[in-house]
PDB file of N, CA and C in Angstrom:
ATOM      1  N   MET A   1     -10.818 -15.592  -3.317  1.00  0.00           N
ATOM      2  CA  MET A   1      -9.695 -15.113  -3.287  1.00  0.00           C
ATOM      3  C   MET A   1      -8.572 -16.233  -2.668  1.00  0.00           C
ATOM      4  N   SER A   2      -8.405 -17.659  -3.072  1.00  0.00           N
ATOM      5  CA  SER A   2      -8.035 -18.195  -2.873  1.00  0.00           C
ATOM      6  C   SER A   2      -6.412 -18.320  -3.673  1.00  0.00           C
ATOM      7  N   GLY A   3      -4.698 -18.121  -3.200  1.00  0.00           N
ATOM      8  CA  GLY A   3      -4.589 -18.060  -3.854  1.00  0.00           C
ATOM      9  C   GLY A   3      -3.960 -16.706  -3.645  1.00  0.00           C
ATOM     10  N   LYS A   4      -4.527 -16.078  -3.635  1.00  0.00           N
ATOM     11  CA  LYS A   4      -3.653 -14.573  -3.334  1.00  0.00           C
ATOM     12  C   LYS A   4      -3.257 -14.211  -2.282  1.00  0.00           C
ATOM     13  N   PHE A   5      -2.573 -13.393  -1.583  1.00  0.00           N
ATOM     14  CA  PHE A   5      -1.884 -12.839  -0.688  1.00  0.00           C
ATOM     15  C   PHE A   5      -2.715 -11.722  -0.116  1.00  0.00           C
ATOM     16  N   LYS A   6      -3.809 -12.157   0.772  1.00  0.00           N
ATOM     17  CA  LYS A   6      -4.723 -10.377   1.650  1.00  0.00           C
ATOM     18  C   LYS A   6      -3.344  -9.015   2.352  1.00  0.00           C
ATOM     19  N   TYR A   7      -3.847  -8.282   1.848  1.00  0.00           N
ATOM     20  CA  TYR A   7      -3.117  -7.400   2.800  1.00  0.00           C
ATOM     21  C   TYR A   7      -3.842  -6.641   2.674  1.00  0.00           C
ATOM     22  N   PHE A   8      -4.009  -5.094   4.092  1.00  0.00           N
ATOM     23  CA  PHE A   8      -4.701  -4.117   4.322  1.00  0.00           C
ATOM     24  C   PHE A   8      -3.580  -3.008   4.136  1.00  0.00           C
ATOM     25  N   ILE A   9      -3.939  -1.890   3.409  1.00  0.00           N
ATOM     26  CA  ILE A   9      -2.821  -0.460   2.728  1.00  0.00           C
ATOM     27  C   ILE A   9      -3.237   0.569   3.490  1.00  0.00           C
ATOM     28  N   GLU A  10      -2.327   0.029   4.585  1.00  0.00           N
ATOM     29  CA  GLU A  10      -2.292   2.417   5.813  1.00  0.00           C
ATOM     30  C   GLU A  10      -1.546   3.227   4.056  1.00  0.00           C
ATOM     31  N   LEU A  11      -2.373   4.249   3.902  1.00  0.00           N
ATOM     32  CA  LEU A  11      -1.689   5.015   3.154  1.00  0.00           C
ATOM     33  C   LEU A  11      -1.327   6.280   3.066  1.00  0.00           C
ATOM     34  N   ILE A  12      -0.114   6.378   3.976  1.00  0.00           N
ATOM     35  CA  ILE A  12       0.674   7.553   3.546  1.00  0.00           C
ATOM     36  C   ILE A  12       0.936   8.494   3.639  1.00  0.00           C
ATOM     37  N   GLN A  13       0.048  10.330   3.849  1.00  0.00           N
ATOM     38  CA  GLN A  13       0.979  11.113   2.834  1.00  0.00           C
ATOM     39  C   GLN A  13       1.550  12.318   3.819  1.00  0.00           C
ATOM     40  N   GLU A  14       2.180  12.322   3.678  1.00  0.00           N
ATOM     41  CA  GLU A  14       2.795  13.757   4.299  1.00  0.00           C
ATOM     42  C   GLU A  14       2.870  15.226   3.711  1.00  0.00           C
ATOM     43  N   ASN A  15       2.307  15.974   3.937  1.00  0.00           N
ATOM     44  CA  ASN A  15       2.213  17.626   4.129  1.00  0.00           C
ATOM     45  C   ASN A  15       2.337  17.919   4.848  1.00  0.00           C
ATOM     46  N   GLU A  16       3.241  18.834   4.513  1.00  0.00           N
ATOM     47  CA  GLU A  16       3.945  20.351   5.670  1.00  0.00           C
ATOM     48  C   GLU A  16       3.701  19.878   6.440  1.00  0.00           C
ATOM     49  N   GLY A  17       4.364  18.337   7.078  1.00  0.00           N
ATOM     50  CA  GLY A  17       5.113  18.337   8.632  1.00  0.00           C
ATOM     51  C   GLY A  17       3.704  17.410   9.136  1.00  0.00           C
ATOM     52  N   ALA A  18       3.028  17.330   8.906  1.00  0.00           N
ATOM     53  CA  ALA A  18       1.657  16.895   9.302  1.00  0.00           C
ATOM     54  C   ALA A  18       0.943  15.517   8.171  1.00  0.00           C
ATOM     55  N   ALA A  19       1.687  14.707   8.956  1.00  0.00           N
ATOM     56  CA  ALA A  19       1.223  13.030   8.318  1.00  0.00           C
ATOM     57  C   ALA A  19      -0.719  12.634   7.844  1.00  0.00           C
ATOM     58  N   SER A  20      -0.767  12.166   7.351  1.00  0.00           N
ATOM     59  CA  SER A  20      -3.148  11.880   7.366  1.00  0.00           C
ATOM     60  C   SER A  20      -2.381  10.116   6.405  1.00  0.00           C
ATOM     61  N   SER A  21      -3.455   9.627   7.014  1.00  0.00           N
ATOM     62  CA  SER A  21      -3.241   8.102   6.491  1.00  0.00           C
ATOM     63  C   SER A  21      -4.835   7.987   6.174  1.00  0.00           C
ATOM     64  N   GLU A  22      -4.993   6.694   4.757  1.00  0.00           N
ATOM     65  CA  GLU A  22      -6.058   5.892   4.824  1.00  0.00           C
ATOM     66  C   GLU A  22      -5.902   4.625   4.584  1.00  0.00           C
ATOM     67  N   GLY A  23      -7.037   3.919   4.743  1.00  0.00           N
ATOM     68  CA  GLY A  23      -7.300   2.287   4.243  1.00  0.00           C
ATOM     69  C   GLY A  23      -7.853   2.211   3.849  1.00  0.00           C
ATOM     70  N   THR A  24      -7.633   0.913   2.976  1.00  0.00           N
ATOM     71  CA  THR A  24      -8.279  -0.417   1.456  1.00  0.00           C
ATOM     72  C   THR A  24      -7.324  -2.054   1.586  1.00  0.00           C
ATOM     73  N   ASN A  25      -8.175  -1.678   1.478  1.00  0.00           N
ATOM     74  CA  ASN A  25      -7.886  -3.579   1.922  1.00  0.00           C
ATOM     75  C   ASN A  25      -7.633  -4.340  -0.039  1.00  0.00           C
ATOM     76  N   ALA A  26      -6.478  -5.116  -0.530  1.00  0.00           N
ATOM     77  CA  ALA A  26      -5.795  -5.751  -1.243  1.00  0.00           C
ATOM     78  C   ALA A  26      -5.357  -6.865  -1.555  1.00  0.00           C
ATOM     79  N   TYR A  27      -5.404  -7.284  -2.835  1.00  0.00           N
ATOM     80  CA  TYR A  27      -5.361  -8.437  -2.828  1.00  0.00           C
ATOM     81  C   TYR A  27      -4.030  -8.560  -4.462  1.00  0.00           C
ATOM     82  N   PHE A  28      -2.824  -9.256  -3.718  1.00  0.00           N
ATOM     83  CA  PHE A  28      -2.068  -9.501  -4.504  1.00  0.00           C
ATOM     84  C   PHE A  28      -1.373 -10.870  -5.617  1.00  0.00           C
ATOM     85  N   VAL A  29      -1.563 -11.316  -6.737  1.00  0.00           N
ATOM     86  CA  VAL A  29      -0.683 -12.331  -6.807  1.00  0.00           C
ATOM     87  C   VAL A  29       0.346 -13.679  -5.985  1.00  0.00           C
ATOM     88  N   ASN A  30       1.591 -11.710  -6.307  1.00  0.00           N
ATOM     89  CA  ASN A  30       2.787 -12.566  -5.532  1.00  0.00           C
ATOM     90  C   ASN A  30       2.960 -11.923  -4.044  1.00  0.00           C
ATOM     91  N   PRO A  31       3.882 -12.152  -2.932  1.00  0.00           N
ATOM     92  CA  PRO A  31       3.810 -11.621  -1.790  1.00  0.00           C
ATOM     93  C   PRO A  31       4.938 -10.246  -2.280  1.00  0.00           C
ATOM     94  N   VAL A  32       4.153  -8.987  -1.574  1.00  0.00           N
ATOM     95  CA  VAL A  32       5.487  -8.175  -1.390  1.00  0.00           C
ATOM     96  C   VAL A  32       6.238  -7.719  -0.422  1.00  0.00           C
ATOM     97  N   SER A  33       7.391  -6.685  -0.235  1.00  0.00           N
ATOM     98  CA  SER A  33       7.932  -6.538   1.004  1.00  0.00           C
ATOM     99  C   SER A  33       7.746  -5.150   0.837  1.00  0.00           C
ATOM    100  N   LYS A  34       9.134  -4.655   2.105  1.00  0.00           N
ATOM    101  CA  LYS A  34       9.792  -3.927   2.116  1.00  0.00           C
ATOM    102  C   LYS A  34      10.455  -3.223   1.004  1.00  0.00           C
ATOM    103  N   GLY A  35      10.304  -1.897   0.799  1.00  0.00           N
ATOM    104  CA  GLY A  35      10.892  -1.534  -0.859  1.00  0.00           C
ATOM    105  C   GLY A  35       9.929  -1.458  -2.116  1.00  0.00           C
ATOM    106  N   ASP A  36       8.754  -2.299  -1.953  1.00  0.00           N
ATOM    107  CA  ASP A  36       8.285  -3.112  -3.129  1.00  0.00           C
ATOM    108  C   ASP A  36       7.696  -2.025  -4.504  1.00  0.00           C
ATOM    109  N   ILE A  37       7.519  -1.054  -4.865  1.00  0.00           N
ATOM    110  CA  ILE A  37       6.687  -0.423  -5.681  1.00  0.00           C
ATOM    111  C   ILE A  37       5.929  -1.374  -5.854  1.00  0.00           C
ATOM    112  N   ILE A  38       3.977  -0.444  -5.617  1.00  0.00           N
ATOM    113  CA  ILE A  38       2.920  -1.268  -5.514  1.00  0.00           C
ATOM    114  C   ILE A  38       1.604  -0.473  -6.477  1.00  0.00           C
ATOM    115  N   TYR A  39       0.937  -1.262  -7.006  1.00  0.00           N
ATOM    116  CA  TYR A  39       0.357  -0.178  -8.002  1.00  0.00           C
ATOM    117  C   TYR A  39      -2.306  -0.717  -7.415  1.00  0.00           C
ATOM    118  N   TRP A  40      -2.551   0.196  -7.040  1.00  0.00           N
ATOM    119  CA  TRP A  40      -3.516  -1.140  -7.220  1.00  0.00           C
ATOM    120  C   TRP A  40      -5.343   0.723  -7.327  1.00  0.00           C
ATOM    121  N   ASP A  41      -6.265  -0.228  -7.431  1.00  0.00           N
ATOM    122  CA  ASP A  41      -7.911   0.634  -7.666  1.00  0.00           C
ATOM    123  C   ASP A  41      -8.553   0.656  -6.654  1.00  0.00           C
ATOM    124  N   ASN A  42      -8.676   1.574  -6.427  1.00  0.00           N
ATOM    125  CA  ASN A  42      -9.321   1.997  -5.472  1.00  0.00           C
ATOM    126  C   ASN A  42     -10.851   2.791  -6.082  1.00  0.00           C
ATOM    127  N   GLU A  43     -11.638   3.124  -4.562  1.00  0.00           N
ATOM    128  CA  GLU A  43     -13.099   4.242  -5.142  1.00  0.00           C
ATOM    129  C   GLU A  43     -12.957   5.597  -6.705  1.00  0.00           C
ATOM    130  N   HIS A  44     -11.101   5.883  -5.942  1.00  0.00           N
ATOM    131  CA  HIS A  44     -11.203   7.228  -6.369  1.00  0.00           C
ATOM    132  C   HIS A  44     -10.439   7.202  -8.416  1.00  0.00           C
ATOM    133  N   GLY A  45      -9.806   5.543  -7.892  1.00  0.00           N
ATOM    134  CA  GLY A  45      -8.778   5.541  -8.886  1.00  0.00           C
ATOM    135  C   GLY A  45      -7.258   4.915  -9.062  1.00  0.00           C
ATOM    136  N   SER A  46      -6.826   5.100 -10.019  1.00  0.00           N
ATOM    137  CA  SER A  46      -5.538   4.282  -9.495  1.00  0.00           C
ATOM    138  C   SER A  46      -4.199   5.298  -8.303  1.00  0.00           C
ATOM    139  N   CYS A  47      -3.844   4.176  -8.006  1.00  0.00           N
ATOM    140  CA  CYS A  47      -2.815   4.886  -7.048  1.00  0.00           C
ATOM    141  C   CYS A  47      -2.040   4.024  -6.923  1.00  0.00           C
ATOM    142  N   GLY A  48      -1.010   4.742  -6.994  1.00  0.00           N
ATOM    143  CA  GLY A  48       0.393   4.189  -6.876  1.00  0.00           C
ATOM    144  C   GLY A  48       1.612   4.345  -5.553  1.00  0.00           C
ATOM    145  N   GLY A  49       2.570   3.306  -5.155  1.00  0.00           N
ATOM    146  CA  GLY A  49       3.147   4.011  -3.889  1.00  0.00           C
ATOM    147  C   GLY A  49       4.589   2.622  -3.778  1.00  0.00           C
ATOM    148  N   VAL A  50       5.652   3.364  -2.513  1.00  0.00           N
ATOM    149  CA  VAL A  50       6.016   2.954  -1.913  1.00  0.00           C
ATOM    150  C   VAL A  50       5.718   1.997  -0.665  1.00  0.00           C
ATOM    151  N   ILE A  51       6.372   0.599  -1.048  1.00  0.00           N
ATOM    152  CA  ILE A  51       6.224  -0.134   0.174  1.00  0.00           C
ATOM    153  C   ILE A  51       7.347   0.884   1.807  1.00  0.00           C
ATOM    154  N   LYS A  52       6.860   1.379   2.899  1.00  0.00           N
ATOM    155  CA  LYS A  52       7.818   1.666   3.749  1.00  0.00           C
ATOM    156  C   LYS A  52       8.025   1.556   4.128  1.00  0.00           C
ATOM    157  N   SER A  53       7.411   0.178   5.022  1.00  0.00           N
ATOM    158  CA  SER A  53       7.584  -1.310   5.816  1.00  0.00           C
ATOM    159  C   SER A  53       5.611  -2.648   5.446  1.00  0.00           C
ATOM    160  N   VAL A  54       6.410  -3.866   6.565  1.00  0.00           N
ATOM    161  CA  VAL A  54       5.014  -4.645   6.614  1.00  0.00           C
ATOM    162  C   VAL A  54       4.815  -4.846   8.101  1.00  0.00           C
ATOM    163  N   GLU A  55       3.458  -5.210   8.728  1.00  0.00           N
ATOM    164  CA  GLU A  55       3.077  -5.381  10.017  1.00  0.00           C
ATOM    165  C   GLU A  55       2.452  -6.569   9.847  1.00  0.00           C
ATOM    166  N   HIS A  56       3.229  -7.759  10.372  1.00  0.00           N
ATOM    167  CA  HIS A  56       2.397  -8.725  10.914  1.00  0.00           C
ATOM    168  C   HIS A  56       1.085  -9.046  11.009  1.00  0.00           C
ATOM    169  N   HIS A  57       0.004  -9.314  10.818  1.00  0.00           N
ATOM    170  CA  HIS A  57      -1.282  -9.543  12.253  1.00  0.00           C
ATOM    171  C   HIS A  57      -1.514 -11.068  11.649  1.00  0.00           C
ATOM    172  N   PRO A  58      -1.933 -11.338  13.173  1.00  0.00           N
ATOM    173  CA  PRO A  58      -3.248 -13.442  12.297  1.00  0.00           C
ATOM    174  C   PRO A  58      -3.827 -12.644  11.439  1.00  0.00           C
ATOM    175  N   THR A  59      -4.183 -11.851  11.025  1.00  0.00           N
ATOM    176  CA  THR A  59      -5.216 -12.274   9.070  1.00  0.00           C
ATOM    177  C   THR A  59      -5.237 -11.895   7.731  1.00  0.00           C
ATOM    178  N   VAL A  60      -3.562 -11.074   8.775  1.00  0.00           N
ATOM    179  CA  VAL A  60      -3.871  -9.264   7.396  1.00  0.00           C
ATOM    180  C   VAL A  60      -2.010  -8.641   7.710  1.00  0.00           C
ATOM    181  N   SER A  61      -1.447  -9.293   6.477  1.00  0.00           N
ATOM    182  CA  SER A  61      -0.426  -7.712   6.548  1.00  0.00           C
ATOM    183  C   SER A  61      -0.582  -6.991   6.556  1.00  0.00           C
ATOM    184  N   VAL A  62      -0.083  -5.719   6.909  1.00  0.00           N
ATOM    185  CA  VAL A  62      -0.980  -3.561   7.394  1.00  0.00           C
ATOM    186  C   VAL A  62       0.916  -3.978   6.039  1.00  0.00           C
ATOM    187  N   LEU A  63       0.937  -2.894   4.958  1.00  0.00           N
ATOM    188  CA  LEU A  63       1.502  -2.384   4.138  1.00  0.00           C
ATOM    189  C   LEU A  63       1.927  -0.741   4.556  1.00  0.00           C
ATOM    190  N   ILE A  64       2.382  -0.158   5.129  1.00  0.00           N
ATOM    191  CA  ILE A  64       2.695   1.291   5.308  1.00  0.00           C
ATOM    192  C   ILE A  64       3.247   1.750   4.409  1.00  0.00           C
ATOM    193  N   VAL A  65       2.771   2.871   3.158  1.00  0.00           N
ATOM    194  CA  VAL A  65       3.022   3.374   1.613  1.00  0.00           C
ATOM    195  C   VAL A  65       3.355   4.294   1.745  1.00  0.00           C
ATOM    196  N   ARG A  66       3.817   5.250   1.677  1.00  0.00           N
ATOM    197  CA  ARG A  66       4.085   6.528   0.964  1.00  0.00           C
ATOM    198  C   ARG A  66       3.550   6.156  -0.299  1.00  0.00           C
ATOM    199  N   LYS A  67       2.722   7.232  -0.736  1.00  0.00           N
ATOM    200  CA  LYS A  67       1.904   7.777  -2.327  1.00  0.00           C
ATOM    201  C   LYS A  67       2.917   7.939  -2.966  1.00  0.00           C
ATOM    202  N   ILE A  68       3.466   7.819  -3.998  1.00  0.00           N
ATOM    203  CA  ILE A  68       3.713   8.220  -5.602  1.00  0.00           C
ATOM    204  C   ILE A  68       3.224   9.125  -6.774  1.00  0.00           C
ATOM    205  N   ASN A  69       3.419   9.721  -7.407  1.00  0.00           N
ATOM    206  CA  ASN A  69       2.436  10.438  -8.574  1.00  0.00           C
ATOM    207  C   ASN A  69       2.758   8.878  -9.374  1.00  0.00           C
ATOM    208  N   LEU A  70       1.334   8.661 -10.007  1.00  0.00           N
ATOM    209  CA  LEU A  70       1.912   7.259 -11.215  1.00  0.00           C
ATOM    210  C   LEU A  70       2.589   8.499 -12.274  1.00  0.00           C
ATOM    211  N   GLY A  71       3.643   7.505 -12.958  1.00  0.00           N
ATOM    212  CA  GLY A  71       5.205   8.242 -13.957  1.00  0.00           C
ATOM    213  C   GLY A  71       6.656   8.238 -12.453  1.00  0.00           C
ATOM    214  N   GLU A  72       5.785   8.523 -11.520  1.00  0.00           N
ATOM    215  CA  GLU A  72       7.435   8.146 -10.777  1.00  0.00           C
ATOM    216  C   GLU A  72       8.105   8.003 -10.551  1.00  0.00           C
ATOM    217  N   SER A  73       9.165   7.310 -10.822  1.00  0.00           N
ATOM    218  CA  SER A  73       9.562   6.135 -10.460  1.00  0.00           C
ATOM    219  C   SER A  73      10.891   6.032  -8.999  1.00  0.00           C
ATOM    220  N   LYS A  74      10.331   7.007  -7.965  1.00  0.00           N
ATOM    221  CA  LYS A  74      11.534   6.716  -6.680  1.00  0.00           C
ATOM    222  C   LYS A  74      10.078   6.625  -5.654  1.00  0.00           C
TER     223      LYS A  74
END
Protein backbone atom coordinates (compact mmCIF):
# COMPACT_ATOMS: atom_id res chain seq x y z
CA MET A 1 0.00 0.00 0.00
CA SER A 2 2.97 2.26 -0.56
CA GLY A 3 2.01 5.73 -1.73
CA LYS A 4 -1.48 5.57 -0.23
CA PHE A 5 -2.89 7.24 2.86
CA LYS A 6 -4.30 4.83 5.46
CA TYR A 7 -7.46 5.72 7.37
CA PHE A 8 -9.97 4.00 9.61
CA ILE A 9 -13.51 5.06 8.75
CA GLU A 10 -15.93 5.24 11.67
CA LEU A 11 -19.36 5.47 10.13
CA ILE A 12 -21.98 7.26 12.23
CA GLN A 13 -25.64 6.61 11.47
CA GLU A 14 -28.19 8.67 13.34
CA ASN A 15 -31.65 7.13 13.54
CA GLU A 16 -34.35 8.50 15.81
CA GLY A 17 -31.89 10.21 18.14
CA ALA A 18 -29.71 7.13 18.70
CA ALA A 19 -26.30 6.96 17.08
CA SER A 20 -24.69 3.73 16.01
CA SER A 21 -21.31 3.16 14.43
CA GLU A 22 -19.34 0.66 12.40
CA GLY A 23 -15.80 0.80 11.14
CA THR A 24 -13.59 -0.24 8.26
CA ASN A 25 -10.04 0.35 7.04
CA ALA A 26 -9.57 2.40 3.87
CA TYR A 27 -6.69 3.55 1.71
CA PHE A 28 -6.88 6.69 -0.45
CA VAL A 29 -4.38 7.92 -3.05
CA ASN A 30 -4.78 11.52 -1.82
CA PRO A 31 -5.20 12.81 1.74
CA VAL A 32 -8.76 13.64 2.81
CA SER A 33 -10.09 16.18 5.30
CA LYS A 34 -13.22 17.49 7.03
CA GLY A 35 -16.07 18.25 4.64
CA ASP A 36 -14.85 15.92 1.88
CA ILE A 37 -17.29 13.43 0.38
CA ILE A 38 -15.72 9.99 0.16
CA TYR A 39 -16.77 6.65 -1.33
CA TRP A 40 -15.47 3.18 -0.52
CA ASP A 41 -16.33 -0.49 -1.02
CA ASN A 42 -16.92 -2.96 1.79
CA GLU A 43 -18.37 -6.44 2.21
CA HIS A 44 -21.90 -5.04 1.82
CA GLY A 45 -21.22 -3.06 -1.39
CA SER A 46 -20.39 0.60 -1.94
CA CYS A 47 -20.82 3.32 0.69
CA GLY A 48 -20.44 7.06 0.72
CA GLY A 49 -20.26 9.74 3.36
CA VAL A 50 -19.24 13.22 4.40
CA ILE A 51 -16.23 13.54 6.71
CA LYS A 52 -17.36 15.28 9.92
CA SER A 53 -13.95 15.18 11.64
CA VAL A 54 -10.51 13.60 11.48
CA GLU A 55 -8.73 12.21 14.57
CA HIS A 56 -4.98 11.67 14.10
CA HIS A 57 -3.37 8.74 15.94
CA PRO A 58 0.23 7.42 15.70
CA THR A 59 -0.56 4.53 13.33
CA VAL A 60 -3.74 5.66 11.57
CA SER A 61 -6.07 8.63 11.16
CA VAL A 62 -9.71 8.01 12.08
CA LEU A 63 -12.37 9.59 9.88
CA ILE A 64 -15.72 10.27 11.56
CA VAL A 65 -18.16 10.02 8.64
CA ARG A 66 -21.90 10.64 8.27
CA LYS A 67 -23.28 8.12 5.79
CA ILE A 68 -25.05 9.44 2.71
CA ASN A 69 -27.21 7.68 0.17
CA LEU A 70 -25.35 7.23 -3.10
CA GLY A 71 -26.50 9.99 -5.41
CA GLU A 72 -27.06 12.47 -2.53
CA SER A 73 -24.92 15.59 -2.96
CA LYS A 74 -25.14 17.09 0.56
